């Protein structure tokens, strides 16, 4: 576990950047950077499948699929959280990536709000296997979280959980630049 942790207060919500393992956080829901078919493959999804057990994939199979820019919610199996929110971000080069990524982030936060959750942790959606550059993911993700919180939310804590020091530093640098 790293010491990389930043907290800022936005209205009634704490926004945190944290370098950690998203599957071990104490939050109500974690976000899986999902594919449209909701198949838990590698990266964050692989860690969720491994630690959460087969029930999460079974629920995803029942749901079937969800389009880019949207999110669905399942139980969390053996994970220490209540729910997993599966958000489908864009692949780099497919076009309109910023709008689609912002929509995936917003959909995740709205789903948590609709289910009465108080805390959520998101990874750097689309920045892994989907190839969106980390700095672009950081700018879009943080700006959309800021917009969502400013619009009013019951979420008390929004964590952006990052894998590795480089990812954390990229998001911290973007946070310092502000929301745009």
C-alpha atoms as a PDB file:
ATOM      1  CA  UNK A   1       0.000   0.000   0.000  1.00  0.00           C
ATOM      2  CA  UNK A   2       1.359   3.360  -1.007  1.00  0.00           C
ATOM      3  CA  UNK A   3       1.279   6.700   0.779  1.00  0.00           C
ATOM      4  CA  UNK A   4      -0.106   8.371  -2.335  1.00  0.00           C
ATOM      5  CA  UNK A   5      -3.390   9.881  -1.156  1.00  0.00           C
ATOM      6  CA  UNK A   6      -4.968  13.300  -1.783  1.00  0.00           C
ATOM      7  CA  UNK A   7      -8.307  14.483  -0.367  1.00  0.00           C
ATOM      8  CA  UNK A   8     -10.251  17.612  -1.304  1.00  0.00           C
ATOM      9  CA  UNK A   9     -13.659  18.692  -0.036  1.00  0.00           C
ATOM     10  CA  UNK A  10     -16.237  19.639  -2.682  1.00  0.00           C
ATOM     11  CA  UNK A  11     -19.542  20.791  -1.189  1.00  0.00           C
ATOM     12  CA  UNK A  12     -20.604  17.873   1.051  1.00  0.00           C
ATOM     13  CA  UNK A  13     -18.494  15.315  -0.849  1.00  0.00           C
ATOM     14  CA  UNK A  14     -14.886  14.274  -0.333  1.00  0.00           C
ATOM     15  CA  UNK A  15     -12.998  13.642  -3.573  1.00  0.00           C
ATOM     16  CA  UNK A  16      -9.998  11.380  -3.046  1.00  0.00           C
ATOM     17  CA  UNK A  17      -7.150  10.263  -5.266  1.00  0.00           C
ATOM     18  CA  UNK A  18      -5.573   7.093  -3.984  1.00  0.00           C
ATOM     19  CA  UNK A  19      -2.945   4.674  -5.237  1.00  0.00           C
ATOM     20  CA  UNK A  20      -4.242   1.302  -4.094  1.00  0.00           C
ATOM     21  CA  UNK A  21      -5.976  -1.958  -4.982  1.00  0.00           C
ATOM     22  CA  UNK A  22      -9.594  -1.043  -5.756  1.00  0.00           C
ATOM     23  CA  UNK A  23     -10.801  -4.513  -4.669  1.00  0.00           C
ATOM     24  CA  UNK A  24      -9.679  -3.859  -1.087  1.00  0.00           C
ATOM     25  CA  UNK A  25     -11.246  -0.462  -0.454  1.00  0.00           C
ATOM     26  CA  UNK A  26     -13.918   0.187   2.170  1.00  0.00           C
ATOM     27  CA  UNK A  27     -16.578   1.830   0.007  1.00  0.00           C
ATOM     28  CA  UNK A  28     -20.172   0.939  -0.887  1.00  0.00           C
ATOM     29  CA  UNK A  29     -19.368   0.265  -4.556  1.00  0.00           C
ATOM     30  CA  UNK A  30     -16.381  -0.098  -6.826  1.00  0.00           C
ATOM     31  CA  UNK A  31     -16.443   0.575 -10.540  1.00  0.00           C
ATOM     32  CA  UNK A  32     -15.230  -2.014 -13.005  1.00  0.00           C
ATOM     33  CA  UNK A  33     -13.826  -0.663 -16.268  1.00  0.00           C
ATOM     34  CA  UNK A  34     -16.000  -3.018 -18.307  1.00  0.00           C
ATOM     35  CA  UNK A  35     -16.375  -4.046 -21.929  1.00  0.00           C
ATOM     36  CA  UNK A  36     -19.737  -3.911 -23.723  1.00  0.00           C
ATOM     37  CA  UNK A  37     -20.236  -7.687 -23.323  1.00  0.00           C
ATOM     38  CA  UNK A  38     -19.679  -7.404 -19.540  1.00  0.00           C
ATOM     39  CA  UNK A  39     -17.058 -10.160 -19.623  1.00  0.00           C
ATOM     40  CA  UNK A  40     -14.645  -9.897 -16.697  1.00  0.00           C
ATOM     41  CA  UNK A  41     -11.285 -10.246 -18.427  1.00  0.00           C
ATOM     42  CA  UNK A  42      -7.996  -8.694 -17.309  1.00  0.00           C
ATOM     43  CA  UNK A  43      -6.900  -5.613 -15.369  1.00  0.00           C
ATOM     44  CA  UNK A  44      -9.438  -4.286 -12.855  1.00  0.00           C
ATOM     45  CA  UNK A  45     -12.078  -6.708 -14.191  1.00  0.00           C
ATOM     46  CA  UNK A  46      -9.754  -9.668 -13.703  1.00  0.00           C
ATOM     47  CA  UNK A  47      -9.013  -8.659 -10.114  1.00  0.00           C
ATOM     48  CA  UNK A  48     -12.754  -8.269  -9.449  1.00  0.00           C
ATOM     49  CA  UNK A  49     -13.475 -11.713 -10.955  1.00  0.00           C
ATOM     50  CA  UNK A  50     -10.674 -13.364  -8.989  1.00  0.00           C
ATOM     51  CA  UNK A  51     -11.481 -11.802  -5.602  1.00  0.00           C
ATOM     52  CA  UNK A  52     -15.259 -11.520  -5.982  1.00  0.00           C
ATOM     53  CA  UNK A  53     -15.922 -15.051  -7.204  1.00  0.00           C
ATOM     54  CA  UNK A  54     -18.193 -16.348  -9.998  1.00  0.00           C
ATOM     55  CA  UNK A  55     -21.460 -14.704  -8.906  1.00  0.00           C
ATOM     56  CA  UNK A  56     -20.474 -11.321 -10.387  1.00  0.00           C
ATOM     57  CA  UNK A  57     -19.865 -12.773 -13.858  1.00  0.00           C
ATOM     58  CA  UNK A  58     -23.121 -14.736 -13.588  1.00  0.00           C
ATOM     59  CA  UNK A  59     -25.046 -11.510 -12.928  1.00  0.00           C
ATOM     60  CA  UNK A  60     -23.242  -9.818 -15.818  1.00  0.00           C
ATOM     61  CA  UNK A  61     -24.191 -12.739 -18.082  1.00  0.00           C
ATOM     62  CA  UNK A  62     -27.853 -12.314 -17.088  1.00  0.00           C
ATOM     63  CA  UNK A  63     -27.691  -8.588 -17.929  1.00  0.00           C
ATOM     64  CA  UNK A  64     -25.996  -9.436 -21.231  1.00  0.00           C
ATOM     65  CA  UNK A  65     -24.419  -6.197 -22.404  1.00  0.00           C
ATOM     66  CA  UNK A  66     -24.468  -2.421 -22.086  1.00  0.00           C
ATOM     67  CA  UNK A  67     -23.364   0.246 -24.572  1.00  0.00           C
ATOM     68  CA  UNK A  68     -20.260   2.431 -24.414  1.00  0.00           C
ATOM     69  CA  UNK A  69     -20.841   5.375 -22.078  1.00  0.00           C
ATOM     70  CA  UNK A  70     -23.292   3.512 -19.840  1.00  0.00           C
ATOM     71  CA  UNK A  71     -23.088   1.522 -16.612  1.00  0.00           C
ATOM     72  CA  UNK A  72     -24.923  -1.346 -14.896  1.00  0.00           C
ATOM     73  CA  UNK A  73     -24.831  -2.552 -11.286  1.00  0.00           C
ATOM     74  CA  UNK A  74     -24.409  -6.039  -9.803  1.00  0.00           C
ATOM     75  CA  UNK A  75     -23.776  -7.553  -6.423  1.00  0.00           C
ATOM     76  CA  UNK A  76     -20.186  -7.817  -5.253  1.00  0.00           C
ATOM     77  CA  UNK A  77     -19.796 -11.537  -4.517  1.00  0.00           C
ATOM     78  CA  UNK A  78     -16.992 -12.042  -1.998  1.00  0.00           C
ATOM     79  CA  UNK A  79     -15.641  -8.479  -2.276  1.00  0.00           C
ATOM     80  CA  UNK A  80     -15.813  -6.237   0.835  1.00  0.00           C
ATOM     81  CA  UNK A  81     -18.240  -3.838  -0.911  1.00  0.00           C
ATOM     82  CA  UNK A  82     -22.012  -3.925  -1.541  1.00  0.00           C
ATOM     83  CA  UNK A  83     -21.981  -3.507  -5.324  1.00  0.00           C
ATOM     84  CA  UNK A  84     -19.871  -3.502  -8.464  1.00  0.00           C
ATOM     85  CA  UNK A  85     -20.794  -0.898 -11.064  1.00  0.00           C
ATOM     86  CA  UNK A  86     -19.681  -1.922 -14.548  1.00  0.00           C
ATOM     87  CA  UNK A  87     -18.932   1.188 -16.629  1.00  0.00           C
ATOM     88  CA  UNK A  88     -18.109   0.883 -20.323  1.00  0.00           C
ATOM     89  CA  UNK A  89     -15.644   3.523 -21.469  1.00  0.00           C
ATOM     90  CA  UNK A  90     -14.472   4.112 -25.036  1.00  0.00           C
ATOM     91  CA  UNK A  91     -11.536   2.561 -26.838  1.00  0.00           C
ATOM     92  CA  UNK A  92      -8.929   5.041 -28.058  1.00  0.00           C
ATOM     93  CA  UNK A  93      -9.509   5.847 -31.719  1.00  0.00           C
ATOM     94  CA  UNK A  94     -13.218   4.961 -31.891  1.00  0.00           C
ATOM     95  CA  UNK A  95     -14.217   8.634 -31.974  1.00  0.00           C
ATOM     96  CA  UNK A  96     -15.873  10.991 -29.495  1.00  0.00           C
ATOM     97  CA  UNK A  97     -13.874   9.417 -26.648  1.00  0.00           C
ATOM     98  CA  UNK A  98     -14.104  12.375 -24.241  1.00  0.00           C
ATOM     99  CA  UNK A  99     -17.922  12.523 -24.392  1.00  0.00           C
ATOM    100  CA  UNK A 100     -18.226   8.718 -24.042  1.00  0.00           C
ATOM    101  CA  UNK A 101     -15.797   8.588 -21.109  1.00  0.00           C
ATOM    102  CA  UNK A 102     -17.588  11.465 -19.355  1.00  0.00           C
ATOM    103  CA  UNK A 103     -20.876   9.610 -19.866  1.00  0.00           C
ATOM    104  CA  UNK A 104     -19.445   6.385 -18.364  1.00  0.00           C
ATOM    105  CA  UNK A 105     -18.203   8.299 -15.294  1.00  0.00           C
ATOM    106  CA  UNK A 106     -21.512  10.193 -14.895  1.00  0.00           C
ATOM    107  CA  UNK A 107     -23.531   6.974 -15.348  1.00  0.00           C
ATOM    108  CA  UNK A 108     -21.504   5.285 -12.580  1.00  0.00           C
ATOM    109  CA  UNK A 109     -22.017   8.134 -10.122  1.00  0.00           C
ATOM    110  CA  UNK A 110     -25.743   8.407 -10.945  1.00  0.00           C
ATOM    111  CA  UNK A 111     -26.237   4.664 -10.480  1.00  0.00           C
ATOM    112  CA  UNK A 112     -24.593   4.873  -7.041  1.00  0.00           C
ATOM    113  CA  UNK A 113     -26.852   7.804  -6.131  1.00  0.00           C
ATOM    114  CA  UNK A 114     -29.991   6.008  -7.356  1.00  0.00           C
ATOM    115  CA  UNK A 115     -29.122   3.011  -5.145  1.00  0.00           C
ATOM    116  CA  UNK A 116     -28.646   5.220  -2.073  1.00  0.00           C
ATOM    117  CA  UNK A 117     -24.915   4.544  -1.821  1.00  0.00           C
ATOM    118  CA  UNK A 118     -22.674   6.934   0.106  1.00  0.00           C
ATOM    119  CA  UNK A 119     -19.255   6.043  -1.315  1.00  0.00           C
ATOM    120  CA  UNK A 120     -17.836   4.874  -4.631  1.00  0.00           C
ATOM    121  CA  UNK A 121     -14.384   4.135  -6.040  1.00  0.00           C
ATOM    122  CA  UNK A 122     -13.575   4.439  -9.749  1.00  0.00           C
ATOM    123  CA  UNK A 123     -10.456   3.335 -11.623  1.00  0.00           C
ATOM    124  CA  UNK A 124      -8.928   5.196 -14.584  1.00  0.00           C
ATOM    125  CA  UNK A 125     -11.662   4.051 -17.002  1.00  0.00           C
ATOM    126  CA  UNK A 126     -10.448   3.401 -20.567  1.00  0.00           C
ATOM    127  CA  UNK A 127      -6.796   4.111 -19.669  1.00  0.00           C
ATOM    128  CA  UNK A 128      -5.716   0.468 -19.536  1.00  0.00           C
ATOM    129  CA  UNK A 129      -6.408  -2.034 -22.291  1.00  0.00           C
ATOM    130  CA  UNK A 130      -8.703   0.457 -24.085  1.00  0.00           C
ATOM    131  CA  UNK A 131      -5.686   2.702 -24.761  1.00  0.00           C
ATOM    132  CA  UNK A 132      -6.957   6.165 -23.826  1.00  0.00           C
ATOM    133  CA  UNK A 133      -3.907   8.168 -22.654  1.00  0.00           C
ATOM    134  CA  UNK A 134      -3.743   8.474 -18.859  1.00  0.00           C
ATOM    135  CA  UNK A 135      -3.616  12.290 -18.909  1.00  0.00           C
ATOM    136  CA  UNK A 136      -6.749  12.423 -21.069  1.00  0.00           C
ATOM    137  CA  UNK A 137      -8.548   9.921 -18.813  1.00  0.00           C
ATOM    138  CA  UNK A 138      -7.544  12.032 -15.799  1.00  0.00           C
ATOM    139  CA  UNK A 139      -8.781  15.313 -17.297  1.00  0.00           C
ATOM    140  CA  UNK A 140     -12.134  13.918 -18.439  1.00  0.00           C
ATOM    141  CA  UNK A 141     -12.748  11.809 -15.309  1.00  0.00           C
ATOM    142  CA  UNK A 142     -11.939  14.550 -12.791  1.00  0.00           C
ATOM    143  CA  UNK A 143     -13.882  17.203 -14.719  1.00  0.00           C
ATOM    144  CA  UNK A 144     -16.953  14.957 -14.909  1.00  0.00           C
ATOM    145  CA  UNK A 145     -16.748  14.060 -11.193  1.00  0.00           C
ATOM    146  CA  UNK A 146     -16.502  17.786 -10.374  1.00  0.00           C
ATOM    147  CA  UNK A 147     -19.541  18.593 -12.577  1.00  0.00           C
ATOM    148  CA  UNK A 148     -21.535  15.761 -11.025  1.00  0.00           C
ATOM    149  CA  UNK A 149     -20.752  16.796  -7.440  1.00  0.00           C
ATOM    150  CA  UNK A 150     -21.516  20.469  -8.210  1.00  0.00           C
ATOM    151  CA  UNK A 151     -24.930  19.383  -9.535  1.00  0.00           C
ATOM    152  CA  UNK A 152     -25.824  17.844  -6.170  1.00  0.00           C
ATOM    153  CA  UNK A 153     -25.296  14.316  -4.909  1.00  0.00           C
ATOM    154  CA  UNK A 154     -25.881  12.201  -1.827  1.00  0.00           C
ATOM    155  CA  UNK A 155     -22.426  10.641  -2.284  1.00  0.00           C
ATOM    156  CA  UNK A 156     -20.235  11.564   0.693  1.00  0.00           C
ATOM    157  CA  UNK A 157     -17.043  10.093  -0.781  1.00  0.00           C
ATOM    158  CA  UNK A 158     -15.833   9.644  -4.360  1.00  0.00           C
ATOM    159  CA  UNK A 159     -12.476   7.876  -4.676  1.00  0.00           C
ATOM    160  CA  UNK A 160     -10.438   7.675  -7.854  1.00  0.00           C
ATOM    161  CA  UNK A 161      -8.363   4.578  -7.150  1.00  0.00           C
ATOM    162  CA  UNK A 162      -5.246   4.319  -9.280  1.00  0.00           C
ATOM    163  CA  UNK A 163      -2.951   1.427  -9.997  1.00  0.00           C
ATOM    164  CA  UNK A 164       0.692   2.482  -9.872  1.00  0.00           C
ATOM    165  CA  UNK A 165       2.568   5.644  -9.015  1.00  0.00           C
ATOM    166  CA  UNK A 166       2.641   6.931 -12.610  1.00  0.00           C
ATOM    167  CA  UNK A 167      -1.159   6.832 -12.859  1.00  0.00           C
ATOM    168  CA  UNK A 168      -1.515   8.492  -9.450  1.00  0.00           C
ATOM    169  CA  UNK A 169       0.944  11.258 -10.354  1.00  0.00           C
ATOM    170  CA  UNK A 170      -0.846  11.907 -13.660  1.00  0.00           C
ATOM    171  CA  UNK A 171      -4.202  12.304 -11.897  1.00  0.00           C
ATOM    172  CA  UNK A 172      -2.653  14.448  -9.126  1.00  0.00           C
ATOM    173  CA  UNK A 173      -1.093  16.748 -11.732  1.00  0.00           C
ATOM    174  CA  UNK A 174      -4.457  17.053 -13.502  1.00  0.00           C
ATOM    175  CA  UNK A 175      -6.222  17.772 -10.208  1.00  0.00           C
ATOM    176  CA  UNK A 176      -3.781  20.615  -9.567  1.00  0.00           C
ATOM    177  CA  UNK A 177      -4.578  22.090 -13.002  1.00  0.00           C
ATOM    178  CA  UNK A 178      -8.249  22.278 -12.082  1.00  0.00           C
ATOM    179  CA  UNK A 179     -11.435  21.189 -13.785  1.00  0.00           C
ATOM    180  CA  UNK A 180     -11.962  21.993 -17.473  1.00  0.00           C
END
